[in-house]
N, C-alpha and C. Protein backbone atom coordinates (compact mmCIF):
# COMPACT_ATOMS: atom_id res chain seq x y z
N MET A 1 -7.95 19.24 0.27
CA MET A 1 -7.05 20.20 -0.31
C MET A 1 -7.87 21.35 -0.88
N LEU A 2 -7.40 22.57 -0.63
CA LEU A 2 -8.10 23.76 -1.09
C LEU A 2 -7.27 24.49 -2.14
N ASN A 3 -7.94 25.10 -3.09
CA ASN A 3 -7.31 25.99 -4.06
C ASN A 3 -6.94 27.26 -3.30
N ALA A 4 -5.67 27.63 -3.29
CA ALA A 4 -5.21 28.77 -2.51
C ALA A 4 -5.78 30.09 -3.03
N SER A 5 -6.09 30.18 -4.31
CA SER A 5 -6.62 31.42 -4.88
C SER A 5 -8.09 31.62 -4.60
N THR A 6 -8.86 30.54 -4.72
CA THR A 6 -10.31 30.66 -4.61
C THR A 6 -10.88 30.13 -3.30
N GLY A 7 -10.10 29.30 -2.59
CA GLY A 7 -10.62 28.67 -1.38
C GLY A 7 -11.50 27.48 -1.68
N GLU A 8 -11.65 27.15 -2.95
CA GLU A 8 -12.50 26.04 -3.37
C GLU A 8 -11.83 24.70 -3.03
N LEU A 9 -12.64 23.75 -2.57
CA LEU A 9 -12.16 22.41 -2.28
C LEU A 9 -11.78 21.72 -3.59
N VAL A 10 -10.55 21.23 -3.67
CA VAL A 10 -10.06 20.54 -4.86
C VAL A 10 -10.31 19.05 -4.74
N THR A 11 -9.95 18.47 -3.63
CA THR A 11 -10.16 17.05 -3.41
C THR A 11 -10.03 16.74 -1.93
N THR A 12 -10.49 15.59 -1.55
CA THR A 12 -10.35 15.10 -0.18
C THR A 12 -9.55 13.81 -0.22
N LEU A 13 -8.52 13.73 0.59
CA LEU A 13 -7.71 12.53 0.67
C LEU A 13 -8.25 11.69 1.82
N GLU A 14 -8.81 10.55 1.49
CA GLU A 14 -9.42 9.69 2.51
C GLU A 14 -8.56 8.46 2.71
N GLY A 15 -8.39 8.05 3.97
CA GLY A 15 -7.62 6.85 4.22
C GLY A 15 -7.15 6.72 5.66
N HIS A 16 -6.92 7.86 6.32
CA HIS A 16 -6.57 7.77 7.74
C HIS A 16 -7.83 7.49 8.55
N HIS A 17 -7.66 6.74 9.63
CA HIS A 17 -8.80 6.40 10.49
C HIS A 17 -8.83 7.25 11.75
N ASP A 18 -7.92 8.22 11.84
CA ASP A 18 -7.88 9.13 12.98
C ASP A 18 -7.22 10.42 12.49
N CYS A 19 -7.01 11.35 13.39
CA CYS A 19 -6.50 12.67 13.07
C CYS A 19 -5.12 12.60 12.41
N ALA A 20 -4.94 13.33 11.31
CA ALA A 20 -3.63 13.49 10.68
C ALA A 20 -2.96 14.70 11.32
N PHE A 21 -1.82 14.49 11.96
CA PHE A 21 -1.12 15.55 12.68
C PHE A 21 -0.18 16.36 11.80
N SER A 22 0.29 15.76 10.69
CA SER A 22 1.32 16.42 9.91
C SER A 22 1.22 16.02 8.44
N VAL A 23 1.54 16.96 7.55
CA VAL A 23 1.58 16.69 6.12
C VAL A 23 2.80 17.40 5.52
N ALA A 24 3.33 16.85 4.42
CA ALA A 24 4.45 17.47 3.72
C ALA A 24 4.37 17.11 2.24
N PHE A 25 4.51 18.12 1.38
CA PHE A 25 4.53 17.91 -0.07
C PHE A 25 5.92 17.50 -0.54
N THR A 26 5.98 16.74 -1.62
CA THR A 26 7.24 16.52 -2.32
C THR A 26 7.62 17.84 -2.98
N THR A 27 8.89 18.02 -3.29
CA THR A 27 9.33 19.29 -3.86
C THR A 27 8.71 19.56 -5.23
N ASP A 28 8.35 18.52 -5.97
CA ASP A 28 7.73 18.73 -7.28
C ASP A 28 6.21 18.82 -7.22
N GLY A 29 5.64 18.66 -6.02
CA GLY A 29 4.21 18.80 -5.84
C GLY A 29 3.37 17.63 -6.30
N THR A 30 4.00 16.53 -6.70
CA THR A 30 3.23 15.38 -7.19
C THR A 30 2.95 14.34 -6.11
N GLY A 31 3.42 14.59 -4.90
CA GLY A 31 3.19 13.66 -3.81
C GLY A 31 2.98 14.39 -2.50
N LEU A 32 2.34 13.72 -1.57
CA LEU A 32 2.08 14.27 -0.24
C LEU A 32 2.27 13.14 0.76
N VAL A 33 2.92 13.45 1.87
CA VAL A 33 3.10 12.50 2.96
C VAL A 33 2.26 12.99 4.12
N SER A 34 1.57 12.07 4.80
CA SER A 34 0.78 12.45 5.99
C SER A 34 1.07 11.47 7.11
N GLY A 35 1.02 11.98 8.34
CA GLY A 35 1.23 11.16 9.53
C GLY A 35 0.05 11.32 10.46
N SER A 36 -0.38 10.22 11.08
CA SER A 36 -1.62 10.23 11.83
C SER A 36 -1.51 9.51 13.17
N SER A 37 -2.46 9.82 14.04
CA SER A 37 -2.57 9.09 15.31
C SER A 37 -3.14 7.69 15.11
N ASP A 38 -3.46 7.32 13.88
CA ASP A 38 -3.90 5.94 13.61
C ASP A 38 -2.71 5.01 13.38
N ASN A 39 -1.49 5.48 13.74
CA ASN A 39 -0.25 4.70 13.65
C ASN A 39 0.23 4.49 12.23
N THR A 40 -0.11 5.39 11.31
CA THR A 40 0.33 5.23 9.93
C THR A 40 0.94 6.50 9.37
N VAL A 41 1.83 6.28 8.43
CA VAL A 41 2.35 7.32 7.54
C VAL A 41 1.85 6.92 6.17
N LYS A 42 1.29 7.86 5.43
CA LYS A 42 0.78 7.55 4.09
C LYS A 42 1.44 8.45 3.06
N PHE A 43 1.73 7.85 1.91
CA PHE A 43 2.25 8.60 0.77
C PHE A 43 1.16 8.63 -0.28
N TRP A 44 0.76 9.84 -0.65
CA TRP A 44 -0.34 10.05 -1.60
C TRP A 44 0.21 10.50 -2.94
N ASP A 45 -0.20 9.87 -4.02
CA ASP A 45 0.16 10.26 -5.37
C ASP A 45 -0.79 11.38 -5.80
N LEU A 46 -0.24 12.57 -6.04
CA LEU A 46 -1.05 13.72 -6.43
C LEU A 46 -0.81 14.11 -7.88
N SER A 47 -0.25 13.23 -8.66
CA SER A 47 0.07 13.57 -10.05
C SER A 47 -1.18 13.94 -10.85
N PHE A 48 -2.35 13.50 -10.41
CA PHE A 48 -3.60 13.84 -11.10
C PHE A 48 -3.92 15.33 -11.03
N LEU A 49 -3.33 16.06 -10.08
CA LEU A 49 -3.64 17.49 -9.94
C LEU A 49 -3.21 18.28 -11.16
N GLY A 50 -2.12 17.90 -11.81
CA GLY A 50 -1.64 18.61 -12.98
C GLY A 50 -2.53 18.43 -14.20
N THR A 51 -3.42 17.45 -14.16
CA THR A 51 -4.29 17.19 -15.31
C THR A 51 -5.55 18.03 -15.27
N GLY A 52 -5.79 18.71 -14.15
CA GLY A 52 -7.01 19.50 -14.01
C GLY A 52 -8.20 18.65 -13.59
N GLY A 53 -7.99 17.34 -13.52
CA GLY A 53 -9.08 16.46 -13.11
C GLY A 53 -9.26 16.49 -11.60
N VAL A 54 -10.47 16.35 -11.16
CA VAL A 54 -10.75 16.27 -9.73
C VAL A 54 -11.20 14.86 -9.44
N VAL A 55 -10.28 14.08 -8.91
CA VAL A 55 -10.58 12.70 -8.52
C VAL A 55 -10.05 12.50 -7.12
N LYS A 56 -10.53 11.50 -6.45
CA LYS A 56 -10.04 11.22 -5.11
C LYS A 56 -8.71 10.49 -5.22
N ALA A 57 -7.68 11.06 -4.60
CA ALA A 57 -6.38 10.40 -4.59
C ALA A 57 -6.52 9.06 -3.91
N GLY A 58 -5.89 8.06 -4.47
CA GLY A 58 -5.95 6.75 -3.86
C GLY A 58 -7.22 5.99 -4.18
N LYS A 59 -8.10 6.51 -5.02
CA LYS A 59 -9.36 5.85 -5.31
C LYS A 59 -9.16 4.47 -5.93
N ASP A 60 -8.19 4.37 -6.85
CA ASP A 60 -7.97 3.10 -7.53
C ASP A 60 -6.93 2.24 -6.82
N THR A 61 -5.80 2.82 -6.48
CA THR A 61 -4.73 2.02 -5.90
C THR A 61 -4.53 2.28 -4.42
N GLY A 62 -5.03 3.36 -3.90
CA GLY A 62 -4.85 3.68 -2.49
C GLY A 62 -3.47 4.24 -2.22
N PRO A 63 -3.31 4.96 -1.11
CA PRO A 63 -2.00 5.50 -0.75
C PRO A 63 -1.09 4.38 -0.26
N VAL A 64 0.21 4.58 -0.35
CA VAL A 64 1.17 3.65 0.24
C VAL A 64 1.17 3.91 1.74
N THR A 65 1.06 2.86 2.55
CA THR A 65 0.95 3.01 4.00
C THR A 65 2.17 2.41 4.69
N PHE A 66 2.71 3.15 5.65
CA PHE A 66 3.85 2.74 6.46
C PHE A 66 3.34 2.63 7.89
N ARG A 67 3.71 1.60 8.63
CA ARG A 67 3.23 1.40 10.00
C ARG A 67 4.22 1.91 11.03
N GLN A 68 3.72 2.60 12.05
CA GLN A 68 4.53 3.12 13.14
C GLN A 68 3.61 3.46 14.30
N HIS A 69 4.18 3.85 15.44
CA HIS A 69 3.36 4.35 16.56
C HIS A 69 2.67 5.64 16.12
N ASP A 70 1.86 6.24 17.01
CA ASP A 70 1.24 7.53 16.68
C ASP A 70 2.28 8.43 16.02
N VAL A 71 1.96 8.97 14.86
CA VAL A 71 2.91 9.76 14.10
C VAL A 71 2.59 11.24 14.29
N PHE A 72 3.54 11.98 14.88
CA PHE A 72 3.35 13.39 15.17
C PHE A 72 3.84 14.31 14.07
N SER A 73 4.85 13.87 13.31
CA SER A 73 5.42 14.75 12.31
C SER A 73 6.01 13.92 11.17
N VAL A 74 5.90 14.46 9.94
CA VAL A 74 6.46 13.80 8.77
C VAL A 74 7.20 14.81 7.91
N GLY A 75 8.11 14.33 7.10
CA GLY A 75 8.84 15.17 6.15
C GLY A 75 9.30 14.31 5.00
N ILE A 76 9.80 14.96 3.97
CA ILE A 76 10.29 14.24 2.81
C ILE A 76 11.55 14.94 2.30
N SER A 77 12.54 14.14 1.89
CA SER A 77 13.80 14.71 1.43
C SER A 77 13.60 15.49 0.13
N SER A 78 14.54 16.38 -0.16
CA SER A 78 14.40 17.25 -1.35
C SER A 78 14.40 16.45 -2.65
N ASN A 79 14.98 15.25 -2.64
CA ASN A 79 14.95 14.41 -3.85
C ASN A 79 13.75 13.46 -3.86
N SER A 80 12.88 13.59 -2.86
CA SER A 80 11.66 12.78 -2.71
C SER A 80 11.95 11.29 -2.58
N ARG A 81 13.17 10.94 -2.24
CA ARG A 81 13.53 9.52 -2.09
C ARG A 81 13.25 9.00 -0.68
N TRP A 82 13.33 9.89 0.33
CA TRP A 82 13.22 9.46 1.72
C TRP A 82 12.06 10.16 2.42
N ILE A 83 11.28 9.38 3.14
CA ILE A 83 10.23 9.89 4.01
C ILE A 83 10.74 9.74 5.42
N ILE A 84 10.50 10.75 6.21
CA ILE A 84 10.94 10.69 7.60
C ILE A 84 9.72 10.94 8.49
N SER A 85 9.66 10.20 9.60
CA SER A 85 8.52 10.36 10.51
C SER A 85 9.00 10.33 11.95
N PHE A 86 8.30 11.07 12.78
CA PHE A 86 8.56 11.10 14.22
C PHE A 86 7.32 10.59 14.92
N SER A 87 7.50 9.62 15.82
CA SER A 87 6.34 9.00 16.46
C SER A 87 6.38 9.10 17.98
N SER A 88 5.29 8.63 18.59
CA SER A 88 5.11 8.75 20.03
C SER A 88 6.11 7.92 20.84
N ASN A 89 6.83 6.99 20.21
CA ASN A 89 7.84 6.25 20.96
C ASN A 89 9.18 6.98 20.97
N GLY A 90 9.23 8.22 20.42
CA GLY A 90 10.43 9.03 20.46
C GLY A 90 11.43 8.73 19.36
N THR A 91 11.02 8.02 18.34
CA THR A 91 11.92 7.62 17.27
C THR A 91 11.65 8.39 15.99
N ILE A 92 12.74 8.78 15.33
CA ILE A 92 12.63 9.26 13.97
C ILE A 92 12.92 8.06 13.07
N ARG A 93 11.99 7.76 12.20
CA ARG A 93 12.12 6.61 11.30
C ARG A 93 12.28 7.13 9.88
N VAL A 94 13.21 6.52 9.14
CA VAL A 94 13.46 6.87 7.75
C VAL A 94 12.96 5.73 6.87
N TRP A 95 12.16 6.09 5.87
CA TRP A 95 11.54 5.12 4.96
C TRP A 95 11.99 5.40 3.53
N ASN A 96 12.07 4.36 2.73
CA ASN A 96 12.30 4.51 1.30
C ASN A 96 10.96 4.84 0.67
N ALA A 97 10.85 6.00 0.05
CA ALA A 97 9.56 6.45 -0.50
C ALA A 97 9.12 5.63 -1.71
N HIS A 98 10.06 4.95 -2.36
CA HIS A 98 9.72 4.23 -3.58
C HIS A 98 9.19 2.82 -3.34
N ASN A 99 9.60 2.20 -2.22
CA ASN A 99 9.14 0.83 -1.99
C ASN A 99 8.58 0.60 -0.58
N ALA A 100 8.48 1.65 0.23
CA ALA A 100 7.91 1.61 1.58
C ALA A 100 8.74 0.79 2.57
N ASP A 101 9.99 0.47 2.23
CA ASP A 101 10.85 -0.26 3.17
C ASP A 101 11.36 0.69 4.25
N GLN A 102 11.40 0.20 5.48
CA GLN A 102 12.00 0.97 6.56
C GLN A 102 13.51 0.95 6.36
N HIS A 103 14.12 2.13 6.33
CA HIS A 103 15.56 2.22 6.07
C HIS A 103 16.37 2.20 7.37
N CYS A 104 15.99 3.04 8.33
CA CYS A 104 16.70 3.08 9.61
C CYS A 104 15.89 3.89 10.62
N ASP A 105 16.29 3.78 11.87
CA ASP A 105 15.73 4.59 12.96
C ASP A 105 16.83 5.47 13.52
N LEU A 106 16.48 6.70 13.87
CA LEU A 106 17.39 7.62 14.53
C LEU A 106 16.83 7.92 15.90
N GLN A 107 17.66 7.76 16.94
CA GLN A 107 17.19 8.01 18.30
C GLN A 107 18.16 8.95 18.99
N PRO A 108 17.64 9.82 19.86
CA PRO A 108 18.53 10.76 20.55
C PRO A 108 19.45 10.00 21.51
N ARG A 109 20.61 10.60 21.78
CA ARG A 109 21.58 9.98 22.69
C ARG A 109 21.07 9.98 24.12
N ARG A 110 20.30 11.00 24.45
CA ARG A 110 19.71 11.09 25.78
C ARG A 110 18.23 10.77 25.69
N LYS A 111 17.63 10.50 26.82
CA LYS A 111 16.18 10.23 26.82
C LYS A 111 15.44 11.53 26.63
N SER A 112 15.34 11.94 25.40
CA SER A 112 14.63 13.15 25.03
C SER A 112 13.74 12.84 23.86
N TRP A 113 12.70 13.60 23.72
CA TRP A 113 11.82 13.46 22.56
C TRP A 113 12.21 14.48 21.53
N PHE A 114 12.18 14.07 20.27
CA PHE A 114 12.34 15.03 19.19
C PHE A 114 11.09 15.90 19.17
N GLU A 115 11.26 17.17 18.96
CA GLU A 115 10.13 18.08 18.86
C GLU A 115 9.75 18.30 17.40
N CYS A 116 10.77 18.52 16.57
CA CYS A 116 10.51 18.74 15.15
C CYS A 116 11.79 18.47 14.38
N PHE A 117 11.68 18.40 13.07
CA PHE A 117 12.84 18.12 12.22
C PHE A 117 12.58 18.66 10.83
N ASP A 118 13.66 18.75 10.05
CA ASP A 118 13.52 19.12 8.64
C ASP A 118 14.79 18.72 7.91
N PHE A 119 14.62 18.31 6.65
CA PHE A 119 15.75 18.02 5.78
C PHE A 119 16.31 19.33 5.25
N CYS A 120 17.63 19.41 5.13
CA CYS A 120 18.27 20.52 4.43
C CYS A 120 18.18 20.21 2.94
N PRO A 121 17.76 21.17 2.12
CA PRO A 121 17.60 20.88 0.69
C PRO A 121 18.93 20.61 -0.03
N VAL A 122 20.05 21.01 0.57
CA VAL A 122 21.37 20.71 0.00
C VAL A 122 22.30 20.31 1.15
N GLY A 123 23.26 19.49 0.86
CA GLY A 123 24.30 19.20 1.85
C GLY A 123 24.10 17.98 2.70
N GLY A 124 22.99 17.26 2.59
CA GLY A 124 22.82 16.01 3.31
C GLY A 124 22.69 16.12 4.81
N TYR A 125 22.01 17.15 5.29
CA TYR A 125 21.82 17.34 6.73
C TYR A 125 20.35 17.22 7.12
N LEU A 126 20.16 16.82 8.36
CA LEU A 126 18.84 16.78 8.97
C LEU A 126 18.93 17.61 10.24
N ALA A 127 18.07 18.60 10.38
CA ALA A 127 18.00 19.40 11.60
C ALA A 127 16.93 18.78 12.49
N VAL A 128 17.28 18.51 13.74
CA VAL A 128 16.31 17.98 14.70
C VAL A 128 16.35 18.84 15.95
N SER A 129 15.21 18.94 16.59
CA SER A 129 15.12 19.73 17.80
C SER A 129 14.61 18.84 18.92
N TYR A 130 15.34 18.80 20.01
CA TYR A 130 14.82 18.23 21.25
C TYR A 130 15.26 19.11 22.39
N ASP A 131 16.41 18.93 23.02
CA ASP A 131 16.82 19.85 24.08
C ASP A 131 17.42 21.13 23.49
N SER A 132 17.91 21.04 22.27
CA SER A 132 18.37 22.17 21.48
C SER A 132 18.32 21.73 20.02
N ILE A 133 18.78 22.55 19.12
CA ILE A 133 18.74 22.18 17.70
C ILE A 133 20.04 21.49 17.33
N HIS A 134 19.93 20.33 16.70
CA HIS A 134 21.09 19.53 16.31
C HIS A 134 21.07 19.31 14.81
N LEU A 135 22.24 19.37 14.18
CA LEU A 135 22.37 19.03 12.77
C LEU A 135 23.02 17.67 12.66
N LEU A 136 22.35 16.77 11.98
CA LEU A 136 22.88 15.42 11.76
C LEU A 136 23.29 15.29 10.31
N LYS A 137 24.50 14.79 10.07
CA LYS A 137 24.95 14.52 8.71
C LYS A 137 24.36 13.17 8.33
N VAL A 138 23.47 13.16 7.36
CA VAL A 138 22.74 11.93 7.04
C VAL A 138 22.96 11.44 5.62
N ASP A 139 23.78 12.13 4.82
CA ASP A 139 23.92 11.69 3.43
C ASP A 139 24.54 10.30 3.33
N GLU A 140 25.43 9.93 4.26
CA GLU A 140 25.99 8.58 4.23
C GLU A 140 24.95 7.54 4.64
N ILE A 141 24.09 7.89 5.59
CA ILE A 141 23.04 6.98 6.06
C ILE A 141 22.02 6.74 4.95
N LEU A 142 21.74 7.78 4.18
CA LEU A 142 20.65 7.71 3.20
C LEU A 142 21.10 7.37 1.79
N ASP A 143 22.33 6.94 1.62
CA ASP A 143 22.77 6.52 0.27
C ASP A 143 22.58 5.03 0.07
């Protein structure tokens, strides 16, 4: 992680064993989700950043790790309750960010791969792109 003003290295998050393809911050900036070709999604506690201390995230307890196929993209809901990941098997997986339980899988109706996705900050929608852009109403699924 780099300081945007100075370009100075703030910390290095170590834990993936291969390339991390995607990262997403929680809305309050105290967490980070990463997805990697090492078949993992990791949730990093960044609460130490507000203290001005420079320590390695996960040094004592380590990041929370979720298992999946190669992970191409990750996101987190605006309330930081749900982590979402897209993997090489074409599945969007929803995880509970608080206990690392897999909540559900979302798969396209046709044999298509999701290209990208994002949570709507209000209204309980998920935008996904594969053959075109689709809005999924997910607030009932995620309650």
